[in-house]
Every structure is written in structure tokens, then in C-alpha cells.
Amino acid sequence: MTLDIRVDDVVRLRKPHPCGATDWVVVRVGADIGLRCLGCGRRIMLPRHEFRRRLKAFVSRSEKPPLVLPPRPTDG
């Protein structure tokens, strides 16, 4: 099952960061998920499966539509 994750989503993870914050903003979506701590600004990268396991809730969802790349042209 795929999880709809968008840049600028605010998520809450299961364990708090050492600074005490539990909320993170998504800054990158790809094979890994880039997160920035809303408490101290620290940036981390988590593999998708690890992010799915640690995710507790979406605090707020981004209004931006997900990025969809056009298909690549094929060489004839």
C-alpha cells in the first residue's frame, strides 16, 4: 500500500526528537523521505519503510498537488 506523502505535510512521529519536539515537516519525497524538525530545525532522511513505521499521524496536509512528471519521450 502506498502512502500519500507530499512536501510541506506536517507529521507527528511516534518517538520525540531529543529536542523534545514530535512534529516534523516533509521537505523531500523520493526513495527516502526528508524531514525537518519543527523544534530545532534538524534535517533527517528516512527510508520510506522506516518513515511508515515511525509515522503516528498527519498534523496538517499540504495544499500542493503531488508532483507528477510527464512521461519520457522514447527514441524511435
N, C-alpha and C. Protein backbone atom coordinates (compact mmCIF):
# COMPACT_ATOMS: atom_id res chain seq x y z
N MET A 1 0.84 -1.18 0.00
CA MET A 1 0.00 0.00 0.00
C MET A 1 0.89 1.24 0.00
N THR A 2 0.57 2.19 -0.87
CA THR A 2 1.35 3.42 -0.92
C THR A 2 0.74 4.47 -0.01
N LEU A 3 1.59 5.27 0.56
CA LEU A 3 1.19 6.32 1.47
C LEU A 3 1.33 7.64 0.73
N ASP A 4 0.28 8.46 0.70
CA ASP A 4 0.31 9.74 0.00
C ASP A 4 1.05 10.76 0.87
N ILE A 5 2.31 10.98 0.56
CA ILE A 5 3.15 11.92 1.30
C ILE A 5 3.50 13.06 0.35
N ARG A 6 3.33 14.29 0.82
CA ARG A 6 3.62 15.45 0.00
C ARG A 6 4.59 16.37 0.73
N VAL A 7 5.36 17.13 -0.05
CA VAL A 7 6.23 18.15 0.52
C VAL A 7 5.35 19.16 1.25
N ASP A 8 5.78 19.61 2.40
CA ASP A 8 5.10 20.57 3.29
C ASP A 8 4.02 19.93 4.15
N ASP A 9 3.83 18.60 4.10
CA ASP A 9 2.97 17.94 5.09
C ASP A 9 3.65 18.06 6.45
N VAL A 10 2.87 18.23 7.50
CA VAL A 10 3.40 18.22 8.86
C VAL A 10 2.96 16.90 9.48
N VAL A 11 3.93 16.13 9.96
CA VAL A 11 3.65 14.80 10.50
C VAL A 11 4.11 14.70 11.95
N ARG A 12 3.49 13.79 12.68
CA ARG A 12 3.89 13.51 14.07
C ARG A 12 4.45 12.09 14.09
N LEU A 13 5.67 11.95 14.61
CA LEU A 13 6.30 10.64 14.70
C LEU A 13 6.08 10.06 16.10
N ARG A 14 6.27 8.76 16.21
CA ARG A 14 5.98 8.05 17.47
C ARG A 14 6.88 8.46 18.64
N LYS A 15 8.16 8.62 18.38
CA LYS A 15 9.08 8.98 19.46
C LYS A 15 9.50 10.44 19.30
N PRO A 16 9.64 11.18 20.40
CA PRO A 16 10.07 12.58 20.28
C PRO A 16 11.55 12.69 19.90
N HIS A 17 11.88 13.78 19.25
CA HIS A 17 13.26 14.11 18.92
C HIS A 17 13.96 14.49 20.23
N PRO A 18 15.28 14.36 20.33
CA PRO A 18 15.97 14.75 21.57
C PRO A 18 15.69 16.19 22.03
N CYS A 19 15.30 17.07 21.10
CA CYS A 19 14.98 18.45 21.49
C CYS A 19 13.61 18.53 22.16
N GLY A 20 12.83 17.44 22.10
CA GLY A 20 11.51 17.40 22.74
C GLY A 20 10.35 17.50 21.78
N ALA A 21 10.60 17.90 20.53
CA ALA A 21 9.52 18.07 19.55
C ALA A 21 9.13 16.72 18.95
N THR A 22 7.85 16.59 18.58
CA THR A 22 7.38 15.37 17.92
C THR A 22 6.88 15.65 16.51
N ASP A 23 6.79 16.93 16.13
CA ASP A 23 6.26 17.29 14.81
C ASP A 23 7.39 17.62 13.84
N TRP A 24 7.22 17.17 12.60
CA TRP A 24 8.21 17.34 11.55
C TRP A 24 7.51 17.79 10.28
N VAL A 25 8.21 18.55 9.43
CA VAL A 25 7.68 18.94 8.13
C VAL A 25 8.44 18.15 7.06
N VAL A 26 7.70 17.66 6.06
CA VAL A 26 8.30 16.90 4.97
C VAL A 26 8.95 17.89 4.00
N VAL A 27 10.24 17.72 3.73
CA VAL A 27 10.96 18.62 2.84
C VAL A 27 11.40 17.92 1.55
N ARG A 28 11.31 16.60 1.50
CA ARG A 28 11.72 15.85 0.30
C ARG A 28 10.95 14.55 0.25
N VAL A 29 10.51 14.20 -0.95
CA VAL A 29 9.81 12.93 -1.15
C VAL A 29 10.50 12.22 -2.30
N GLY A 30 10.88 10.99 -2.08
CA GLY A 30 11.53 10.18 -3.09
C GLY A 30 11.68 8.78 -2.53
N ALA A 31 12.79 8.12 -2.84
CA ALA A 31 13.06 6.82 -2.24
C ALA A 31 13.18 6.97 -0.73
N ASP A 32 13.73 8.10 -0.30
CA ASP A 32 13.81 8.46 1.12
C ASP A 32 12.91 9.66 1.36
N ILE A 33 12.48 9.82 2.60
CA ILE A 33 11.65 10.96 2.99
C ILE A 33 12.52 11.91 3.80
N GLY A 34 12.62 13.16 3.35
CA GLY A 34 13.37 14.18 4.07
C GLY A 34 12.46 14.90 5.04
N LEU A 35 12.91 15.05 6.28
CA LEU A 35 12.11 15.70 7.32
C LEU A 35 12.93 16.79 8.00
N ARG A 36 12.24 17.86 8.45
CA ARG A 36 12.88 18.92 9.23
C ARG A 36 12.12 19.06 10.54
N CYS A 37 12.83 19.00 11.65
CA CYS A 37 12.23 19.10 12.98
C CYS A 37 11.67 20.51 13.17
N LEU A 38 10.43 20.60 13.65
CA LEU A 38 9.83 21.91 13.89
C LEU A 38 10.29 22.50 15.22
N GLY A 39 11.00 21.74 16.03
CA GLY A 39 11.52 22.26 17.29
C GLY A 39 12.88 22.92 17.13
N CYS A 40 13.81 22.22 16.47
CA CYS A 40 15.18 22.73 16.40
C CYS A 40 15.69 22.94 14.97
N GLY A 41 14.95 22.48 13.96
CA GLY A 41 15.37 22.68 12.58
C GLY A 41 16.27 21.60 12.02
N ARG A 42 16.59 20.59 12.79
CA ARG A 42 17.45 19.49 12.34
C ARG A 42 16.80 18.76 11.17
N ARG A 43 17.60 18.40 10.16
CA ARG A 43 17.08 17.67 9.00
C ARG A 43 17.56 16.23 9.05
N ILE A 44 16.64 15.31 8.73
CA ILE A 44 16.98 13.89 8.67
C ILE A 44 16.38 13.29 7.41
N MET A 45 16.91 12.14 7.02
CA MET A 45 16.36 11.37 5.90
C MET A 45 16.00 9.99 6.43
N LEU A 46 14.80 9.53 6.10
CA LEU A 46 14.36 8.19 6.50
C LEU A 46 13.96 7.41 5.25
N PRO A 47 14.35 6.15 5.15
CA PRO A 47 13.81 5.31 4.08
C PRO A 47 12.28 5.23 4.23
N ARG A 48 11.57 5.06 3.13
CA ARG A 48 10.10 5.03 3.17
C ARG A 48 9.55 4.03 4.17
N HIS A 49 10.10 2.82 4.21
CA HIS A 49 9.57 1.81 5.12
C HIS A 49 9.76 2.22 6.58
N GLU A 50 10.87 2.87 6.88
CA GLU A 50 11.13 3.36 8.24
C GLU A 50 10.18 4.52 8.58
N PHE A 51 9.95 5.41 7.62
CA PHE A 51 9.02 6.53 7.83
C PHE A 51 7.62 5.99 8.12
N ARG A 52 7.17 5.01 7.32
CA ARG A 52 5.83 4.42 7.52
C ARG A 52 5.70 3.81 8.92
N ARG A 53 6.76 3.17 9.38
CA ARG A 53 6.75 2.53 10.69
C ARG A 53 6.71 3.56 11.82
N ARG A 54 7.43 4.67 11.67
CA ARG A 54 7.52 5.69 12.72
C ARG A 54 6.36 6.68 12.72
N LEU A 55 5.62 6.77 11.61
CA LEU A 55 4.54 7.75 11.48
C LEU A 55 3.41 7.46 12.46
N LYS A 56 3.01 8.48 13.20
CA LYS A 56 1.88 8.35 14.12
C LYS A 56 0.64 9.01 13.52
N ALA A 57 0.79 10.24 12.98
CA ALA A 57 -0.37 10.96 12.43
C ALA A 57 0.10 12.09 11.53
N PHE A 58 -0.81 12.52 10.65
CA PHE A 58 -0.60 13.73 9.87
C PHE A 58 -1.22 14.87 10.67
N VAL A 59 -0.42 15.88 11.00
CA VAL A 59 -0.92 17.04 11.74
C VAL A 59 -1.64 17.97 10.77
N SER A 60 -1.03 18.23 9.62
CA SER A 60 -1.68 19.02 8.57
C SER A 60 -1.18 18.54 7.22
N ARG A 61 -2.04 18.62 6.24
CA ARG A 61 -1.70 18.17 4.89
C ARG A 61 -1.40 19.37 4.00
N SER A 62 -0.48 19.21 3.09
CA SER A 62 -0.11 20.26 2.14
C SER A 62 -1.24 20.46 1.14
N GLU A 63 -1.42 21.70 0.72
CA GLU A 63 -2.42 22.00 -0.30
C GLU A 63 -1.86 21.79 -1.70
N LYS A 64 -0.54 21.64 -1.80
CA LYS A 64 0.09 21.45 -3.10
C LYS A 64 -0.25 20.07 -3.65
N PRO A 65 -0.58 19.97 -4.94
CA PRO A 65 -0.81 18.64 -5.51
C PRO A 65 0.52 17.91 -5.63
N PRO A 66 0.48 16.58 -5.61
CA PRO A 66 1.74 15.83 -5.74
C PRO A 66 2.37 16.08 -7.11
N LEU A 67 3.68 16.08 -7.15
CA LEU A 67 4.40 16.31 -8.39
C LEU A 67 4.28 15.08 -9.28
N VAL A 68 3.79 15.30 -10.50
CA VAL A 68 3.68 14.22 -11.48
C VAL A 68 4.53 14.62 -12.68
N LEU A 69 5.54 13.83 -12.95
CA LEU A 69 6.42 14.12 -14.07
C LEU A 69 5.81 13.62 -15.37
N PRO A 70 5.99 14.37 -16.47
CA PRO A 70 5.49 13.88 -17.76
C PRO A 70 6.28 12.67 -18.20
N PRO A 71 5.68 11.80 -19.02
CA PRO A 71 6.42 10.62 -19.48
C PRO A 71 7.60 11.02 -20.34
N ARG A 72 8.66 10.23 -20.26
CA ARG A 72 9.85 10.49 -21.06
C ARG A 72 9.58 10.12 -22.51
N PRO A 73 10.09 10.93 -23.43
CA PRO A 73 9.95 10.55 -24.84
C PRO A 73 10.82 9.32 -25.14
N THR A 74 10.31 8.46 -25.97
CA THR A 74 11.08 7.26 -26.33
C THR A 74 11.77 7.49 -27.66
N ASP A 75 12.96 6.94 -27.76
CA ASP A 75 13.70 7.04 -29.03
C ASP A 75 13.13 6.03 -30.00
N GLY A 76 12.75 6.52 -31.18
CA GLY A 76 12.05 5.79 -32.19
C GLY A 76 12.72 4.67 -32.79
